[in-house]
């Protein structure tokens, strides 16, 4: 009998009915799991031994710290104590949210910062709690929930909402963070259950739980403090609590993205296996293939974007080494689109684009660090920048992001903030050049920058104005993104650009950014804002430009836009343009020991809390 005749006589039914378990082919590596009622890799039919105790040890430690803090607060509030076996569920959490919001409705009328927050908070937690069911989301993370994550997570959330009813401090900041929490926890355990034999998914889930537990622990720890002491600390360091809170939020976002990335890769693998099994149903389910291909395409697109961002993260690790060595030494002694009628190179030449401008500024800042007078370079401040979770999350998390960095140091043009960002941009530019020349690029990374500190002279420097800053960003975008820019918009740039006039310059810049596709990550760094604050005319122009850029970032663009503004000291218009959660302030005083101790680098933001 010929090979092709085997299938004709193969038994594919039991008791007169077609049975999927009999449709697999020998040697395919695929088997039908009768318990889960789905096709799985053959290896998945044999349970692997997962070392849950080892994998979830860090989560257990974080759970115990949170449990201890929650019980201290519940004792203070005269509430019954929690333990790992205490029965808690998501229905109780939803009721706690409702009670807290109901009790705060009157305060919300007086507190404009909370206006609209209560309704949104109720909605997002209602979705989390009802999707989770009665303890299902957390309970299924580990077989039988033997580690008690359900009880501790639910009980701690209830304690947090109780605390919100009893304290008026930092209510808006806590609400903003809590609104984001359900997004990070949604369907977490259900996704883990789908890939319960994948050890890596458990490790990333454990990291996600650690981040969530640490966030809640910080909030409850603050509620525990004596109100008089709290008032003194707020007066001494009003940003201390919120800065640490945002650091924990950034770590939660990165842990969530890491978890989702692994899920996407597993989903892609499952999809590819599914494609191989569709041969027997191709004639009756023709649309299934197209649907799977579309799903895989969406996953591939997200993976490509995330891979580009996560590949940038190691570049940051190279920056601190060189800077630290110098500072410590001082202390111790895709195919091209059809080109438009106007060649991008012609546009750049026509408007006198200096492609070396930003690179020369970076080189100038770096050379100043080598001079003897740079004995004042503070390695501890560089260590703080290097270890900031919020800076890393701003750059690497797959979402639009906006940040303003206040160095809180001496207003020098060659400050640690400027030097660090010059190194960062140099690394980003090198990464761009190494990847954009490839023909098979699926995600385009485009970095733009401008260093105001290197163009302080209003009268002598041709680049010393907000209009030239905007023009520089526009021409950099044309230079580095010409492969993917819309030819029609390039033609408009050539015809309508008017150097020295902010309105047409930004209008064309905005048109170029809006034309970018979903496969583009655009990063913009503008450093040294305070050096453009004077005279008044220049300061007003800078304020107008930054306001336009911020509004553009907050629009729903196809491309992923990341904006970072920085100044060695506080910029005058910060509060008018930026939200509180978009502000990152370095500590004013930092111990020099931080530069020598990586462990202390992570604590430096929190020392005053």
Foldseek 3Di string as FASTA:
>chain_A
DDPVCVVVPQDQDDPPHGDVQRQDDPPLQWGADPVVRGIDGVVVVDFDDAPLCVLQVLLLVLLVLLLVLLQLLCVVVVHDHFDLPDQFWLVVLLVLLVVLLVLCVVVCVVVVLCVPLSVLLSVLSVVLRVQCDTLNLCCLQDPNNVSSPSRSLSSLSSSLSVLLSVDDPCNSLVSVLSSCVSVLSHSLSVLCNVVVRDNVLSNLSSQLSSLVSVLSSLSSVLSSDDPVVNVVLCVVPVCQSSQVNLLSSLSNLVSSQVNVLVSLVVVLVVLVSVVVVCPVPCVPCVVVVVVSVVVNVVSVLVNLQLVLLVVLLVLLVVLLVVVLVLLVCLVVVADFDDAAPQHLVNLCVVVVADPCVLVVVLVVLVVVSNDNVVSVAASLLLLLVSQRSVVSSLRRRPAAAFAEEAQLEDQALSHSVVNSVSSSVVSQVVVQVVPVVDNPRQAHEAEAEDRQSVQLDPPPRPCNALLNVLQNRQSSCCVSPVRQWDNVLVVVCSVQDDRPDNPSSVVSVLVRQQRDALRYEYEYEYEALVSQCPDVVRVVSNVVVVLSVLVSSPDDGRYHYRYYYYHNHDDDCDVVRDDPSNYNYADNDFDSCSSVDSVCSNCRSNPSD
